[in-house]
């Protein structure tokens, strides 16, 4: 469960522009929620706070009842994945992009992820080299 309790936030560069004041939000484990709002209304900021790109000005962000400000960043971020609206690839191989964020993954895990990506409609992948994924051929966006 992800929970925001009494959240207040402003960006350090804009201290007079309160983004949230007294925001409460709860998403139970296994559930999906859509954040809908006008541009600049704070949808992406909610995600930035959950990922601890920023800490709230007041209030708490909690996962499974634990305040994430007490978590080590590396540990927290190993358990959270974010897929942006317009995904970006790093200037490396597909293999390296799949491995990013989980550098201890086995080659079998990386190749399994690659097969999943290959079936998606965003990427027309790749050239195989020695049975592994190494080179991006084309990227398609809808």
N, C-alpha and C. Protein backbone atom coordinates (compact mmCIF):
# COMPACT_ATOMS: atom_id res chain seq x y z
N UNK A 1 0.84 -1.17 0.00
CA UNK A 1 0.00 0.00 0.00
C UNK A 1 0.89 1.25 0.00
N UNK A 2 0.52 2.20 -0.80
CA UNK A 2 1.19 3.50 -0.83
C UNK A 2 0.21 4.52 -0.26
N UNK A 3 0.72 5.33 0.66
CA UNK A 3 -0.16 6.29 1.32
C UNK A 3 0.56 7.63 1.48
N UNK A 4 -0.14 8.70 1.14
CA UNK A 4 0.33 10.06 1.37
C UNK A 4 -0.54 10.62 2.48
N UNK A 5 0.08 11.12 3.54
CA UNK A 5 -0.67 11.63 4.69
C UNK A 5 -0.31 13.08 4.97
N UNK A 6 -1.30 13.96 4.88
CA UNK A 6 -1.10 15.37 5.21
C UNK A 6 0.03 16.01 4.43
N UNK A 7 0.16 15.62 3.18
CA UNK A 7 1.31 16.03 2.38
C UNK A 7 1.23 17.50 1.98
N UNK A 8 2.33 18.19 2.20
CA UNK A 8 2.52 19.54 1.69
C UNK A 8 3.84 19.55 0.94
N UNK A 9 3.85 20.27 -0.17
CA UNK A 9 5.09 20.31 -0.94
C UNK A 9 5.16 21.56 -1.79
N UNK A 10 6.35 22.13 -1.82
CA UNK A 10 6.71 23.15 -2.80
C UNK A 10 8.12 22.84 -3.26
N UNK A 11 8.42 23.20 -4.49
CA UNK A 11 9.77 22.99 -5.01
C UNK A 11 10.70 23.99 -4.35
N UNK A 12 11.91 23.56 -3.98
CA UNK A 12 12.85 24.47 -3.32
C UNK A 12 13.11 25.75 -4.10
N UNK A 13 13.06 25.67 -5.41
CA UNK A 13 13.30 26.87 -6.24
C UNK A 13 12.09 27.79 -6.30
N UNK A 14 10.92 27.32 -5.81
CA UNK A 14 9.69 28.13 -5.82
C UNK A 14 8.97 28.02 -4.48
N UNK A 15 9.55 28.53 -3.41
CA UNK A 15 8.97 28.34 -2.07
C UNK A 15 7.62 29.01 -1.86
N UNK A 16 7.24 29.94 -2.70
CA UNK A 16 5.95 30.61 -2.55
C UNK A 16 4.84 29.95 -3.37
N UNK A 17 5.17 28.88 -4.07
CA UNK A 17 4.22 28.20 -4.96
C UNK A 17 3.92 26.81 -4.41
N UNK A 18 2.97 26.71 -3.47
CA UNK A 18 2.61 25.44 -2.84
C UNK A 18 1.95 24.53 -3.87
N UNK A 19 2.52 23.34 -4.07
CA UNK A 19 1.97 22.38 -5.02
C UNK A 19 0.84 21.59 -4.37
N UNK A 20 1.07 21.12 -3.13
CA UNK A 20 0.06 20.38 -2.37
C UNK A 20 -0.05 20.98 -0.99
N UNK A 21 -1.26 20.96 -0.47
CA UNK A 21 -1.48 21.34 0.92
C UNK A 21 -2.48 20.35 1.51
N UNK A 22 -2.03 19.61 2.51
CA UNK A 22 -2.88 18.65 3.22
C UNK A 22 -3.44 17.56 2.31
N UNK A 23 -2.61 17.03 1.43
CA UNK A 23 -3.03 15.98 0.50
C UNK A 23 -3.00 14.62 1.19
N UNK A 24 -4.10 13.90 1.11
CA UNK A 24 -4.19 12.52 1.58
C UNK A 24 -4.56 11.64 0.39
N UNK A 25 -3.85 10.54 0.24
CA UNK A 25 -4.09 9.62 -0.87
C UNK A 25 -3.68 8.23 -0.42
N UNK A 26 -4.46 7.24 -0.80
CA UNK A 26 -4.14 5.86 -0.43
C UNK A 26 -4.40 4.95 -1.62
N UNK A 27 -3.41 4.14 -1.98
CA UNK A 27 -3.55 3.15 -3.04
C UNK A 27 -3.21 1.81 -2.42
N UNK A 28 -4.20 0.93 -2.35
CA UNK A 28 -3.98 -0.38 -1.75
C UNK A 28 -3.15 -1.27 -2.66
N UNK A 29 -2.43 -2.19 -2.06
CA UNK A 29 -1.58 -3.13 -2.81
C UNK A 29 -2.42 -3.87 -3.85
N UNK A 30 -1.88 -4.01 -5.04
CA UNK A 30 -2.55 -4.74 -6.11
C UNK A 30 -3.60 -3.94 -6.85
N UNK A 31 -3.82 -2.70 -6.47
CA UNK A 31 -4.82 -1.86 -7.12
C UNK A 31 -4.15 -0.87 -8.07
N UNK A 32 -4.91 -0.39 -9.02
CA UNK A 32 -4.43 0.60 -9.98
C UNK A 32 -5.20 1.89 -9.76
N UNK A 33 -4.50 3.00 -9.86
CA UNK A 33 -5.14 4.29 -9.71
C UNK A 33 -4.64 5.21 -10.82
N UNK A 34 -5.53 6.02 -11.34
CA UNK A 34 -5.15 7.02 -12.33
C UNK A 34 -5.17 8.39 -11.67
N UNK A 35 -4.09 9.13 -11.83
CA UNK A 35 -4.04 10.52 -11.40
C UNK A 35 -4.36 11.37 -12.62
N UNK A 36 -5.44 12.11 -12.54
CA UNK A 36 -5.90 12.90 -13.67
C UNK A 36 -5.95 14.36 -13.25
N UNK A 37 -5.44 15.22 -14.10
CA UNK A 37 -5.48 16.64 -13.79
C UNK A 37 -4.87 17.44 -14.92
N UNK A 38 -5.05 18.73 -14.82
CA UNK A 38 -4.50 19.62 -15.83
C UNK A 38 -2.97 19.63 -15.75
N UNK A 39 -2.36 20.07 -16.80
CA UNK A 39 -0.91 20.22 -16.83
C UNK A 39 -0.48 21.13 -15.68
N UNK A 40 0.54 20.68 -14.94
CA UNK A 40 1.05 21.49 -13.84
C UNK A 40 0.30 21.33 -12.54
N UNK A 41 -0.64 20.37 -12.48
CA UNK A 41 -1.44 20.21 -11.26
C UNK A 41 -0.79 19.32 -10.21
N UNK A 42 0.36 18.69 -10.53
CA UNK A 42 1.09 17.94 -9.52
C UNK A 42 1.10 16.43 -9.68
N UNK A 43 0.59 15.93 -10.81
CA UNK A 43 0.56 14.47 -11.02
C UNK A 43 1.97 13.88 -11.00
N UNK A 44 2.86 14.45 -11.75
CA UNK A 44 4.24 13.95 -11.79
C UNK A 44 4.95 14.19 -10.46
N UNK A 45 4.57 15.23 -9.77
CA UNK A 45 5.18 15.53 -8.47
C UNK A 45 4.86 14.44 -7.46
N UNK A 46 3.65 13.89 -7.51
CA UNK A 46 3.30 12.77 -6.62
C UNK A 46 4.29 11.63 -6.83
N UNK A 47 4.56 11.28 -8.09
CA UNK A 47 5.51 10.21 -8.38
C UNK A 47 6.92 10.58 -7.93
N UNK A 48 7.31 11.82 -8.13
CA UNK A 48 8.64 12.26 -7.70
C UNK A 48 8.80 12.14 -6.19
N UNK A 49 7.73 12.37 -5.45
CA UNK A 49 7.78 12.25 -3.99
C UNK A 49 7.83 10.78 -3.56
N UNK A 50 7.08 9.92 -4.25
CA UNK A 50 7.10 8.49 -3.93
C UNK A 50 8.48 7.92 -4.22
N UNK A 51 9.13 8.38 -5.27
CA UNK A 51 10.47 7.92 -5.62
C UNK A 51 11.57 8.62 -4.82
N UNK A 52 11.19 9.58 -4.01
CA UNK A 52 12.09 10.40 -3.20
C UNK A 52 13.09 11.19 -4.04
N UNK A 53 12.64 11.66 -5.19
CA UNK A 53 13.44 12.65 -5.90
C UNK A 53 13.42 13.93 -5.08
N UNK A 54 12.33 14.11 -4.31
CA UNK A 54 12.17 15.20 -3.36
C UNK A 54 11.54 14.62 -2.10
N UNK A 55 11.73 15.32 -0.99
CA UNK A 55 11.03 14.98 0.24
C UNK A 55 9.94 16.02 0.46
N UNK A 56 8.80 15.62 1.05
CA UNK A 56 7.73 16.58 1.26
C UNK A 56 8.12 17.68 2.23
N UNK A 57 7.51 18.84 2.06
CA UNK A 57 7.70 19.95 2.98
C UNK A 57 7.11 19.61 4.34
N UNK A 58 5.97 18.93 4.32
CA UNK A 58 5.31 18.45 5.54
C UNK A 58 4.53 17.19 5.17
N UNK A 59 4.20 16.39 6.17
CA UNK A 59 3.46 15.16 5.94
C UNK A 59 4.39 14.01 5.63
N UNK A 60 3.79 12.88 5.27
CA UNK A 60 4.57 11.66 5.06
C UNK A 60 4.13 10.93 3.80
N UNK A 61 5.10 10.28 3.17
CA UNK A 61 4.85 9.31 2.12
C UNK A 61 5.18 7.96 2.75
N UNK A 62 4.21 7.04 2.71
CA UNK A 62 4.41 5.76 3.37
C UNK A 62 4.16 4.61 2.40
N UNK A 63 4.96 3.56 2.56
CA UNK A 63 4.76 2.32 1.82
C UNK A 63 4.61 1.22 2.85
N UNK A 64 3.50 0.50 2.77
CA UNK A 64 3.19 -0.56 3.73
C UNK A 64 3.31 -0.06 5.17
N UNK A 65 2.85 1.16 5.41
CA UNK A 65 2.82 1.72 6.75
C UNK A 65 4.14 2.26 7.26
N UNK A 66 5.18 2.26 6.41
CA UNK A 66 6.50 2.74 6.83
C UNK A 66 6.84 4.03 6.10
N UNK A 67 7.30 5.01 6.83
CA UNK A 67 7.68 6.31 6.29
C UNK A 67 8.91 6.12 5.40
N UNK A 68 8.79 6.46 4.11
CA UNK A 68 9.91 6.22 3.19
C UNK A 68 11.09 7.14 3.44
N UNK A 69 10.92 8.19 4.22
CA UNK A 69 12.06 9.06 4.52
C UNK A 69 13.09 8.33 5.39
N UNK A 70 12.68 7.21 5.98
CA UNK A 70 13.59 6.41 6.81
C UNK A 70 14.33 5.36 5.99
N UNK A 71 13.91 5.13 4.75
CA UNK A 71 14.53 4.12 3.89
C UNK A 71 15.82 4.67 3.28
N UNK A 72 16.76 3.80 3.03
CA UNK A 72 17.93 4.18 2.24
C UNK A 72 17.45 4.31 0.79
N UNK A 73 17.88 5.36 0.12
CA UNK A 73 17.42 5.60 -1.25
C UNK A 73 17.67 4.42 -2.16
N UNK A 74 18.86 3.86 -2.10
CA UNK A 74 19.19 2.75 -3.00
C UNK A 74 18.25 1.57 -2.77
N UNK A 75 17.95 1.29 -1.52
CA UNK A 75 17.04 0.19 -1.20
C UNK A 75 15.62 0.48 -1.71
N UNK A 76 15.14 1.69 -1.47
CA UNK A 76 13.81 2.08 -1.93
C UNK A 76 13.70 1.95 -3.44
N UNK A 77 14.66 2.48 -4.14
CA UNK A 77 14.59 2.53 -5.60
C UNK A 77 14.81 1.17 -6.26
N UNK A 78 15.36 0.21 -5.54
CA UNK A 78 15.47 -1.14 -6.08
C UNK A 78 14.11 -1.81 -6.17
N UNK A 79 13.14 -1.30 -5.42
CA UNK A 79 11.82 -1.93 -5.35
C UNK A 79 10.74 -1.17 -6.10
N UNK A 80 11.10 -0.07 -6.74
CA UNK A 80 10.12 0.74 -7.46
C UNK A 80 10.61 0.93 -8.89
N UNK A 81 9.70 0.76 -9.83
CA UNK A 81 10.01 1.02 -11.23
C UNK A 81 9.05 2.08 -11.75
N UNK A 82 9.56 2.92 -12.61
CA UNK A 82 8.75 3.97 -13.20
C UNK A 82 8.91 3.90 -14.72
N UNK A 83 7.80 3.84 -15.41
CA UNK A 83 7.81 3.88 -16.87
C UNK A 83 7.17 5.20 -17.27
N UNK A 84 7.97 6.07 -17.83
CA UNK A 84 7.50 7.39 -18.24
C UNK A 84 6.58 7.29 -19.45
N UNK A 85 5.81 8.33 -19.67
CA UNK A 85 4.92 8.40 -20.81
C UNK A 85 5.71 8.27 -22.11
N UNK A 86 6.85 8.91 -22.16
CA UNK A 86 7.73 8.79 -23.32
C UNK A 86 9.03 8.17 -22.85
N UNK A 87 9.13 6.83 -22.97
CA UNK A 87 10.31 6.16 -22.44
C UNK A 87 11.59 6.60 -23.15
N UNK A 88 12.66 6.59 -22.41
CA UNK A 88 13.96 6.96 -22.96
C UNK A 88 14.90 5.77 -22.86
N UNK A 89 15.75 5.64 -23.83
CA UNK A 89 16.78 4.60 -23.79
C UNK A 89 18.12 5.27 -23.52
N UNK A 90 18.94 4.58 -22.76
CA UNK A 90 20.29 5.08 -22.51
C UNK A 90 21.17 4.75 -23.71
N UNK A 91 22.22 5.51 -23.90
CA UNK A 91 23.12 5.32 -25.03
C UNK A 91 24.02 4.13 -24.78
N UNK A 92 23.42 2.97 -24.77
CA UNK A 92 24.14 1.71 -24.58
C UNK A 92 23.36 0.64 -25.34
N UNK A 93 23.70 -0.59 -25.14
CA UNK A 93 23.01 -1.69 -25.81
C UNK A 93 21.64 -1.92 -25.18
N UNK A 94 20.77 -2.63 -25.89
CA UNK A 94 19.49 -3.05 -25.32
C UNK A 94 19.75 -3.86 -24.06
N UNK A 95 20.73 -4.73 -24.14
CA UNK A 95 21.10 -5.54 -22.98
C UNK A 95 21.41 -4.64 -21.79
N UNK A 96 22.17 -3.60 -22.00
CA UNK A 96 22.51 -2.66 -20.94
C UNK A 96 21.30 -1.89 -20.43
N UNK A 97 20.38 -1.53 -21.33
CA UNK A 97 19.16 -0.84 -20.92
C UNK A 97 18.28 -1.72 -20.06
N UNK A 98 18.16 -2.99 -20.43
CA UNK A 98 17.35 -3.92 -19.64
C UNK A 98 18.00 -4.15 -18.28
N UNK A 99 19.31 -4.21 -18.26
CA UNK A 99 20.05 -4.47 -17.03
C UNK A 99 20.04 -3.27 -16.08
N UNK A 100 19.82 -2.07 -16.62
CA UNK A 100 19.87 -0.86 -15.82
C UNK A 100 18.93 -0.95 -14.62
N UNK A 101 19.44 -0.63 -13.46
CA UNK A 101 18.63 -0.66 -12.25
C UNK A 101 18.65 -1.99 -11.53
N UNK A 102 19.17 -3.02 -12.19
CA UNK A 102 19.28 -4.32 -11.55
C UNK A 102 20.58 -4.96 -12.01
N UNK A 103 21.68 -4.36 -11.60
CA UNK A 103 22.98 -4.79 -12.09
C UNK A 103 23.39 -6.17 -11.61
N UNK A 104 22.64 -6.76 -10.69
CA UNK A 104 22.97 -8.11 -10.22
C UNK A 104 22.13 -9.18 -10.92
N UNK A 105 21.36 -8.79 -11.95
CA UNK A 105 20.51 -9.75 -12.67
C UNK A 105 21.37 -10.73 -13.45
N UNK A 106 20.89 -11.96 -13.52
CA UNK A 106 21.58 -12.96 -14.32
C UNK A 106 21.27 -12.72 -15.79
N UNK A 107 22.07 -13.30 -16.67
CA UNK A 107 21.82 -13.14 -18.10
C UNK A 107 20.46 -13.72 -18.47
N UNK A 108 20.07 -14.82 -17.83
CA UNK A 108 18.76 -15.43 -18.11
C UNK A 108 17.63 -14.46 -17.77
N UNK A 109 17.75 -13.73 -16.65
CA UNK A 109 16.72 -12.75 -16.28
C UNK A 109 16.67 -11.62 -17.29
N UNK A 110 17.81 -11.15 -17.72
CA UNK A 110 17.86 -10.05 -18.69
C UNK A 110 17.26 -10.50 -20.02
N UNK A 111 17.58 -11.69 -20.46
CA UNK A 111 17.05 -12.18 -21.73
C UNK A 111 15.54 -12.38 -21.64
N UNK A 112 15.04 -12.84 -20.50
CA UNK A 112 13.60 -12.98 -20.33
C UNK A 112 12.93 -11.61 -20.45
N UNK A 113 13.49 -10.60 -19.79
CA UNK A 113 12.95 -9.25 -19.90
C UNK A 113 12.99 -8.78 -21.35
N UNK A 114 14.05 -9.10 -22.05
CA UNK A 114 14.18 -8.70 -23.45
C UNK A 114 13.10 -9.31 -24.31
N UNK A 115 12.74 -10.55 -24.04
CA UNK A 115 11.67 -11.19 -24.80
C UNK A 115 10.35 -10.49 -24.55
N UNK A 116 10.11 -10.07 -23.33
CA UNK A 116 8.88 -9.35 -23.01
C UNK A 116 8.84 -8.03 -23.76
N UNK A 117 9.94 -7.31 -23.75
CA UNK A 117 10.02 -6.03 -24.45
C UNK A 117 9.82 -6.24 -25.95
N UNK A 118 10.40 -7.29 -26.48
CA UNK A 118 10.31 -7.55 -27.91
C UNK A 118 8.86 -7.75 -28.34
N UNK A 119 8.01 -8.27 -27.46
CA UNK A 119 6.62 -8.51 -27.80
C UNK A 119 5.77 -7.25 -27.69
N UNK A 120 6.30 -6.23 -27.07
CA UNK A 120 5.55 -4.99 -26.93
C UNK A 120 5.45 -4.26 -28.25
N UNK A 121 4.57 -3.27 -28.33
CA UNK A 121 4.41 -2.54 -29.58
C UNK A 121 5.22 -1.25 -29.61
N UNK A 122 5.98 -0.97 -28.56
CA UNK A 122 6.80 0.24 -28.56
C UNK A 122 8.16 0.01 -29.19
N UNK A 123 8.64 -1.21 -29.15
CA UNK A 123 9.99 -1.46 -29.64
C UNK A 123 9.96 -2.59 -30.65
N UNK A 124 10.51 -2.35 -31.80
CA UNK A 124 10.78 -3.41 -32.75
C UNK A 124 12.25 -3.68 -32.56
N UNK A 125 12.55 -4.76 -31.87
CA UNK A 125 13.87 -4.81 -31.30
C UNK A 125 14.93 -5.11 -32.30
N UNK A 126 15.45 -6.23 -32.35
CA UNK A 126 16.85 -6.28 -32.13
C UNK A 126 17.55 -7.38 -32.87
N UNK A 127 18.75 -7.22 -32.90
CA UNK A 127 19.63 -8.19 -33.47
C UNK A 127 20.12 -9.08 -32.34
N UNK A 128 20.10 -10.37 -32.59
CA UNK A 128 20.62 -11.29 -31.58
C UNK A 128 22.05 -11.63 -31.93
N UNK A 129 22.86 -11.69 -30.91
CA UNK A 129 24.27 -12.02 -31.11
C UNK A 129 24.61 -13.08 -30.07
N UNK A 130 24.95 -14.25 -30.53
CA UNK A 130 25.24 -15.37 -29.63
C UNK A 130 24.08 -15.64 -28.69
N UNK A 131 22.85 -15.54 -29.20
CA UNK A 131 21.68 -15.84 -28.39
C UNK A 131 21.27 -14.75 -27.42
N UNK A 132 21.93 -13.60 -27.44
CA UNK A 132 21.60 -12.52 -26.50
C UNK A 132 21.16 -11.28 -27.29
N UNK A 133 20.48 -10.38 -26.62
CA UNK A 133 20.00 -9.15 -27.23
C UNK A 133 21.07 -8.07 -27.08
N UNK A 134 21.49 -7.48 -28.19
CA UNK A 134 22.55 -6.49 -28.10
C UNK A 134 22.30 -5.20 -28.85
N UNK A 135 21.52 -5.21 -29.89
CA UNK A 135 21.47 -4.01 -30.72
C UNK A 135 20.03 -3.63 -31.04
N UNK A 136 19.70 -2.37 -30.84
CA UNK A 136 18.39 -1.83 -31.17
C UNK A 136 18.30 -1.60 -32.67
N UNK A 137 17.25 -2.10 -33.30
CA UNK A 137 17.06 -1.86 -34.72
C UNK A 137 16.15 -0.65 -34.93
N UNK A 138 15.00 -0.61 -34.26
CA UNK A 138 14.13 0.56 -34.41
C UNK A 138 13.24 0.71 -33.20
N UNK A 139 12.82 1.93 -32.95
CA UNK A 139 11.92 2.25 -31.84
C UNK A 139 10.66 2.85 -32.44
N UNK A 140 9.51 2.34 -32.06
CA UNK A 140 8.25 2.85 -32.57
C UNK A 140 7.47 3.47 -31.43
N UNK A 141 6.91 4.63 -31.65
CA UNK A 141 6.02 5.24 -30.67
C UNK A 141 4.65 5.37 -31.30
N UNK A 142 3.64 5.24 -30.45
CA UNK A 142 2.28 5.36 -30.97
C UNK A 142 1.73 6.73 -30.70
